Amino acid sequence: MDGHEMAEVVGTVGIFTFITVVVWQLFATWRAKAALVREAEYRELAARLVTGQEESNRQLADLSGQLSDLRTRMTQLERVLTEVE
């Protein structure tokens, strides 16, 4: 094997290595971007869930207040009915 053939082998191996590294980096970048998109979607979902939970809590608080009013009215009604008897 003379010097020219050795240079061709080294050049071929170098180009193959370079292409492999470039492809590897492209896929790593693609995976990182996909992970960022996925994380952003999870954050958005979590924000929507928190908003929904807060709304549910407000509705429950309103219902609790209404229930308390109903209990008060029922107590008053029972008192009136007891007096009428």
N, C-alpha and C. Protein backbone atom coordinates (compact mmCIF):
# COMPACT_ATOMS: atom_id res chain seq x y z
N MET A 1 0.85 -1.16 0.00
CA MET A 1 0.00 0.00 0.00
C MET A 1 0.91 1.24 0.00
N ASP A 2 0.74 2.08 -0.99
CA ASP A 2 1.58 3.27 -1.05
C ASP A 2 0.90 4.44 -0.32
N GLY A 3 1.53 5.56 -0.29
CA GLY A 3 1.04 6.73 0.44
C GLY A 3 -0.28 7.25 -0.10
N HIS A 4 -0.48 7.12 -1.41
CA HIS A 4 -1.72 7.62 -2.02
C HIS A 4 -2.92 6.77 -1.57
N GLU A 5 -2.76 5.47 -1.56
CA GLU A 5 -3.84 4.59 -1.12
C GLU A 5 -4.16 4.81 0.36
N MET A 6 -3.12 5.01 1.17
CA MET A 6 -3.33 5.26 2.59
C MET A 6 -4.09 6.56 2.79
N ALA A 7 -3.79 7.59 2.01
CA ALA A 7 -4.48 8.88 2.11
C ALA A 7 -5.95 8.71 1.75
N GLU A 8 -6.23 7.87 0.74
CA GLU A 8 -7.62 7.63 0.36
C GLU A 8 -8.39 6.94 1.49
N VAL A 9 -7.76 5.96 2.13
CA VAL A 9 -8.40 5.24 3.24
C VAL A 9 -8.66 6.20 4.40
N VAL A 10 -7.65 6.97 4.76
CA VAL A 10 -7.79 7.92 5.87
C VAL A 10 -8.87 8.96 5.53
N GLY A 11 -8.88 9.44 4.30
CA GLY A 11 -9.88 10.40 3.87
C GLY A 11 -11.28 9.82 3.92
N THR A 12 -11.44 8.58 3.47
CA THR A 12 -12.74 7.92 3.47
C THR A 12 -13.23 7.73 4.91
N VAL A 13 -12.34 7.27 5.78
CA VAL A 13 -12.71 7.08 7.18
C VAL A 13 -13.06 8.42 7.81
N GLY A 14 -12.30 9.46 7.50
CA GLY A 14 -12.57 10.80 8.04
C GLY A 14 -13.91 11.33 7.59
N ILE A 15 -14.23 11.18 6.31
CA ILE A 15 -15.52 11.65 5.78
C ILE A 15 -16.66 10.85 6.40
N PHE A 16 -16.50 9.53 6.51
CA PHE A 16 -17.54 8.70 7.13
C PHE A 16 -17.76 9.12 8.58
N THR A 17 -16.68 9.37 9.31
CA THR A 17 -16.78 9.80 10.70
C THR A 17 -17.48 11.15 10.79
N PHE A 18 -17.11 12.08 9.91
CA PHE A 18 -17.72 13.41 9.89
C PHE A 18 -19.21 13.32 9.62
N ILE A 19 -19.60 12.53 8.63
CA ILE A 19 -21.03 12.38 8.30
C ILE A 19 -21.77 11.74 9.47
N THR A 20 -21.17 10.75 10.10
CA THR A 20 -21.80 10.09 11.25
C THR A 20 -22.03 11.09 12.39
N VAL A 21 -21.03 11.91 12.67
CA VAL A 21 -21.16 12.90 13.75
C VAL A 21 -22.24 13.93 13.41
N VAL A 22 -22.27 14.38 12.16
CA VAL A 22 -23.27 15.37 11.75
C VAL A 22 -24.67 14.78 11.88
N VAL A 23 -24.88 13.57 11.41
CA VAL A 23 -26.19 12.93 11.52
C VAL A 23 -26.57 12.74 12.98
N TRP A 24 -25.61 12.31 13.79
CA TRP A 24 -25.85 12.12 15.23
C TRP A 24 -26.29 13.43 15.86
N GLN A 25 -25.62 14.52 15.55
CA GLN A 25 -25.97 15.82 16.11
C GLN A 25 -27.34 16.30 15.62
N LEU A 26 -27.65 16.05 14.37
CA LEU A 26 -28.97 16.43 13.85
C LEU A 26 -30.08 15.70 14.60
N PHE A 27 -29.89 14.40 14.82
CA PHE A 27 -30.91 13.65 15.56
C PHE A 27 -30.98 14.10 17.02
N ALA A 28 -29.85 14.43 17.63
CA ALA A 28 -29.85 14.91 19.01
C ALA A 28 -30.61 16.25 19.10
N THR A 29 -30.39 17.12 18.13
CA THR A 29 -31.10 18.40 18.09
C THR A 29 -32.58 18.17 17.89
N TRP A 30 -32.94 17.26 17.01
CA TRP A 30 -34.34 16.95 16.75
C TRP A 30 -35.02 16.42 18.02
N ARG A 31 -34.34 15.52 18.73
CA ARG A 31 -34.90 14.98 19.97
C ARG A 31 -35.06 16.07 21.02
N ALA A 32 -34.09 16.97 21.11
CA ALA A 32 -34.17 18.07 22.10
C ALA A 32 -35.34 18.99 21.79
N LYS A 33 -35.54 19.31 20.51
CA LYS A 33 -36.67 20.16 20.13
C LYS A 33 -37.99 19.46 20.42
N ALA A 34 -38.06 18.18 20.15
CA ALA A 34 -39.29 17.42 20.44
C ALA A 34 -39.56 17.42 21.94
N ALA A 35 -38.53 17.29 22.74
CA ALA A 35 -38.70 17.30 24.20
C ALA A 35 -39.20 18.67 24.67
N LEU A 36 -38.67 19.74 24.08
CA LEU A 36 -39.13 21.08 24.46
C LEU A 36 -40.60 21.30 24.10
N VAL A 37 -40.99 20.82 22.94
CA VAL A 37 -42.40 20.94 22.53
C VAL A 37 -43.28 20.15 23.48
N ARG A 38 -42.86 18.95 23.82
CA ARG A 38 -43.63 18.10 24.72
C ARG A 38 -43.75 18.77 26.10
N GLU A 39 -42.67 19.34 26.60
CA GLU A 39 -42.70 20.02 27.89
C GLU A 39 -43.63 21.23 27.85
N ALA A 40 -43.61 21.97 26.76
CA ALA A 40 -44.50 23.13 26.63
C ALA A 40 -45.96 22.68 26.63
N GLU A 41 -46.25 21.57 25.95
CA GLU A 41 -47.61 21.05 25.94
C GLU A 41 -48.04 20.60 27.34
N TYR A 42 -47.13 19.98 28.09
CA TYR A 42 -47.44 19.56 29.46
C TYR A 42 -47.70 20.78 30.35
N ARG A 43 -46.90 21.84 30.17
CA ARG A 43 -47.11 23.06 30.96
C ARG A 43 -48.47 23.66 30.65
N GLU A 44 -48.83 23.70 29.37
CA GLU A 44 -50.13 24.24 28.98
C GLU A 44 -51.26 23.40 29.57
N LEU A 45 -51.12 22.10 29.50
CA LEU A 45 -52.12 21.20 30.08
C LEU A 45 -52.24 21.42 31.58
N ALA A 46 -51.10 21.54 32.25
CA ALA A 46 -51.11 21.76 33.70
C ALA A 46 -51.79 23.09 34.04
N ALA A 47 -51.53 24.12 33.24
CA ALA A 47 -52.16 25.43 33.49
C ALA A 47 -53.67 25.33 33.31
N ARG A 48 -54.10 24.61 32.27
CA ARG A 48 -55.54 24.44 32.06
C ARG A 48 -56.17 23.65 33.21
N LEU A 49 -55.47 22.64 33.69
CA LEU A 49 -55.99 21.85 34.81
C LEU A 49 -56.10 22.68 36.08
N VAL A 50 -55.11 23.53 36.32
CA VAL A 50 -55.15 24.40 37.50
C VAL A 50 -56.33 25.36 37.40
N THR A 51 -56.53 25.93 36.21
CA THR A 51 -57.64 26.84 36.01
C THR A 51 -58.97 26.12 36.23
N GLY A 52 -59.09 24.92 35.72
CA GLY A 52 -60.30 24.13 35.91
C GLY A 52 -60.52 23.79 37.37
N GLN A 53 -59.45 23.46 38.08
CA GLN A 53 -59.56 23.14 39.50
C GLN A 53 -59.99 24.36 40.30
N GLU A 54 -59.43 25.52 39.96
CA GLU A 54 -59.83 26.75 40.65
C GLU A 54 -61.30 27.06 40.41
N GLU A 55 -61.76 26.88 39.19
CA GLU A 55 -63.17 27.10 38.87
C GLU A 55 -64.06 26.12 39.65
N SER A 56 -63.64 24.88 39.72
CA SER A 56 -64.40 23.88 40.50
C SER A 56 -64.45 24.27 41.97
N ASN A 57 -63.33 24.75 42.50
CA ASN A 57 -63.30 25.18 43.89
C ASN A 57 -64.24 26.36 44.13
N ARG A 58 -64.29 27.30 43.18
CA ARG A 58 -65.21 28.43 43.31
C ARG A 58 -66.65 27.96 43.30
N GLN A 59 -66.96 27.04 42.39
CA GLN A 59 -68.32 26.52 42.31
C GLN A 59 -68.70 25.78 43.59
N LEU A 60 -67.77 25.00 44.13
CA LEU A 60 -68.04 24.29 45.38
C LEU A 60 -68.25 25.27 46.53
N ALA A 61 -67.48 26.34 46.55
CA ALA A 61 -67.65 27.34 47.60
C ALA A 61 -69.02 27.99 47.48
N ASP A 62 -69.45 28.29 46.24
CA ASP A 62 -70.78 28.86 46.04
C ASP A 62 -71.86 27.89 46.50
N LEU A 63 -71.71 26.63 46.13
CA LEU A 63 -72.69 25.62 46.54
C LEU A 63 -72.71 25.46 48.06
N SER A 64 -71.55 25.55 48.67
CA SER A 64 -71.47 25.44 50.12
C SER A 64 -72.22 26.60 50.77
N GLY A 65 -72.06 27.80 50.22
CA GLY A 65 -72.79 28.95 50.73
C GLY A 65 -74.29 28.80 50.55
N GLN A 66 -74.70 28.28 49.39
CA GLN A 66 -76.12 28.06 49.15
C GLN A 66 -76.67 27.00 50.09
N LEU A 67 -75.90 25.97 50.34
CA LEU A 67 -76.33 24.91 51.25
C LEU A 67 -76.49 25.45 52.67
N SER A 68 -75.56 26.30 53.06
CA SER A 68 -75.65 26.92 54.38
C SER A 68 -76.92 27.77 54.48
N ASP A 69 -77.24 28.52 53.42
CA ASP A 69 -78.47 29.31 53.41
C ASP A 69 -79.70 28.41 53.51
N LEU A 70 -79.68 27.31 52.78
CA LEU A 70 -80.82 26.38 52.82
C LEU A 70 -80.99 25.79 54.22
N ARG A 71 -79.87 25.46 54.87
CA ARG A 71 -79.95 24.92 56.23
C ARG A 71 -80.57 25.95 57.19
N THR A 72 -80.15 27.19 57.04
CA THR A 72 -80.69 28.26 57.89
C THR A 72 -82.19 28.40 57.66
N ARG A 73 -82.59 28.41 56.41
CA ARG A 73 -84.02 28.53 56.09
C ARG A 73 -84.82 27.34 56.60
N MET A 74 -84.24 26.14 56.46
CA MET A 74 -84.94 24.95 56.96
C MET A 74 -85.11 25.02 58.48
N THR A 75 -84.07 25.47 59.16
CA THR A 75 -84.15 25.61 60.61
C THR A 75 -85.25 26.61 60.98
N GLN A 76 -85.31 27.72 60.27
CA GLN A 76 -86.35 28.72 60.53
C GLN A 76 -87.73 28.15 60.24
N LEU A 77 -87.84 27.41 59.14
CA LEU A 77 -89.12 26.82 58.76
C LEU A 77 -89.56 25.80 59.82
N GLU A 78 -88.64 24.98 60.31
CA GLU A 78 -88.97 24.02 61.36
C GLU A 78 -89.44 24.73 62.62
N ARG A 79 -88.79 25.84 62.94
CA ARG A 79 -89.16 26.59 64.11
C ARG A 79 -90.59 27.15 63.97
N VAL A 80 -90.89 27.67 62.77
CA VAL A 80 -92.24 28.20 62.51
C VAL A 80 -93.27 27.09 62.58
N LEU A 81 -92.95 25.95 61.98
CA LEU A 81 -93.89 24.82 61.99
C LEU A 81 -94.10 24.32 63.41
N THR A 82 -93.07 24.31 64.21
CA THR A 82 -93.18 23.87 65.60
C THR A 82 -94.08 24.84 66.37
N GLU A 83 -93.93 26.12 66.13
CA GLU A 83 -94.75 27.12 66.81
C GLU A 83 -96.23 27.01 66.39
N VAL A 84 -96.45 26.68 65.12
CA VAL A 84 -97.83 26.58 64.61
C VAL A 84 -98.52 25.38 65.23
N GLU A 85 -97.83 24.32 65.50
CA GLU A 85 -98.45 23.12 66.06
C GLU A 85 -98.87 23.42 67.43
